[in-house]
Amino acid sequence: MHAWNAYHHSMWMANVVRSGQFTVEEALTLGLAHEIDSPDPGNPYQGFQSRVDMYNDWVGAKLGERALKNHIDAEVYLCLNMRGR
């Protein structure tokens, strides 16, 4: 599940930024709001998994920024940069 969750968060942020409608900072604010508002009692805000989610959000947002700059699909760019993980 953790690998899927990491991919989910990264892909979400990459697509948000790649759309060109949100900056990296705006996308990360959206991700932060998601973490704060999470109803999952096993994943409290600022808990370990929440911090991992926010890191994966940051990775995805930065990859989305690069994908936008290079005119490439965010999912393709993300997969090209996973390096065997």
Protein backbone atom coordinates (compact mmCIF):
# COMPACT_ATOMS: atom_id res chain seq x y z
CA MET A 1 0.00 0.00 0.00
CA HIS A 2 2.79 2.46 0.76
CA ALA A 3 4.19 2.35 -2.78
CA TRP A 4 0.72 2.96 -4.20
CA ASN A 5 0.16 5.84 -1.78
CA ALA A 6 3.50 7.42 -2.68
CA TYR A 7 2.69 7.16 -6.38
CA HIS A 8 -0.84 8.50 -5.78
CA HIS A 9 0.39 11.60 -3.95
CA SER A 10 3.20 12.25 -6.42
CA MET A 11 0.98 11.77 -9.46
CA TRP A 12 -1.76 13.96 -8.01
CA MET A 13 0.62 16.86 -7.44
CA ALA A 14 2.43 16.34 -10.75
CA ASN A 15 -0.87 16.57 -12.63
CA VAL A 16 -2.05 19.59 -10.65
CA VAL A 17 1.13 21.52 -11.48
CA ARG A 18 1.45 20.14 -15.02
CA SER A 19 -2.03 21.47 -15.79
CA GLY A 20 -0.52 24.96 -15.61
CA GLN A 21 -3.41 26.14 -13.45
CA PHE A 22 -1.51 25.92 -10.14
CA THR A 23 2.00 26.84 -9.08
CA VAL A 24 4.09 24.42 -7.03
CA GLU A 25 3.30 26.46 -3.92
CA GLU A 26 -0.44 26.41 -4.59
CA ALA A 27 -0.40 22.67 -5.21
CA LEU A 28 1.50 22.06 -1.98
CA THR A 29 -1.06 24.17 -0.13
CA LEU A 30 -3.77 21.92 -1.55
CA GLY A 31 -1.81 18.86 -0.39
CA LEU A 32 -1.36 20.35 3.06
CA ALA A 33 -5.09 21.03 3.33
CA HIS A 34 -5.70 17.41 2.38
CA GLU A 35 -3.42 16.22 5.18
CA ILE A 36 -4.91 18.55 7.78
CA ASP A 37 -8.47 17.55 6.85
CA SER A 38 -7.74 13.80 6.63
CA PRO A 39 -10.36 11.78 8.52
CA ASP A 40 -7.98 8.79 8.79
CA PRO A 41 -7.28 8.23 12.51
CA GLY A 42 -4.28 6.07 11.59
CA ASN A 43 -2.67 8.96 9.75
CA PRO A 44 -2.81 12.04 11.99
CA TYR A 45 -1.59 15.37 10.62
CA GLN A 46 2.14 15.72 11.30
CA GLY A 47 2.39 12.00 12.01
CA PHE A 48 5.05 10.00 10.17
CA GLN A 49 2.82 8.92 7.27
CA SER A 50 1.44 12.43 6.87
CA ARG A 51 4.99 13.80 6.60
CA VAL A 52 5.82 11.09 4.03
CA ASP A 53 2.70 12.07 2.08
CA MET A 54 3.74 15.72 2.09
CA TYR A 55 7.24 14.79 0.91
CA ASN A 56 5.71 12.78 -1.95
CA ASP A 57 3.49 15.78 -2.73
CA TRP A 58 6.62 17.93 -3.00
CA VAL A 59 8.37 15.41 -5.26
CA GLY A 60 5.33 15.21 -7.53
CA ALA A 61 4.87 18.99 -7.65
CA LYS A 62 8.50 19.51 -8.65
CA LEU A 63 8.26 16.79 -11.31
CA GLY A 64 5.04 18.38 -12.58
CA GLU A 65 6.86 21.69 -12.82
CA ARG A 66 9.59 20.07 -14.90
CA ALA A 67 7.04 18.23 -17.02
CA LEU A 68 5.28 21.54 -17.75
CA LYS A 69 8.56 23.23 -18.64
CA ASN A 70 9.57 20.36 -20.96
CA HIS A 71 6.09 19.90 -22.51
CA ILE A 72 5.84 16.24 -21.51
CA ASP A 73 3.01 14.30 -19.87
CA ALA A 74 3.33 14.35 -16.07
CA GLU A 75 2.87 10.58 -15.72
CA VAL A 76 5.57 9.87 -18.29
CA TYR A 77 7.91 12.32 -16.59
CA LEU A 78 7.19 10.82 -13.18
CA CYS A 79 7.83 7.27 -14.41
CA LEU A 80 11.06 8.31 -16.12
CA ASN A 81 12.29 9.76 -12.83
CA MET A 82 11.33 6.94 -10.45
CA ARG A 83 14.68 5.18 -10.97
CA GLY A 84 13.57 1.66 -10.22
CA ARG A 85 11.58 2.37 -7.06
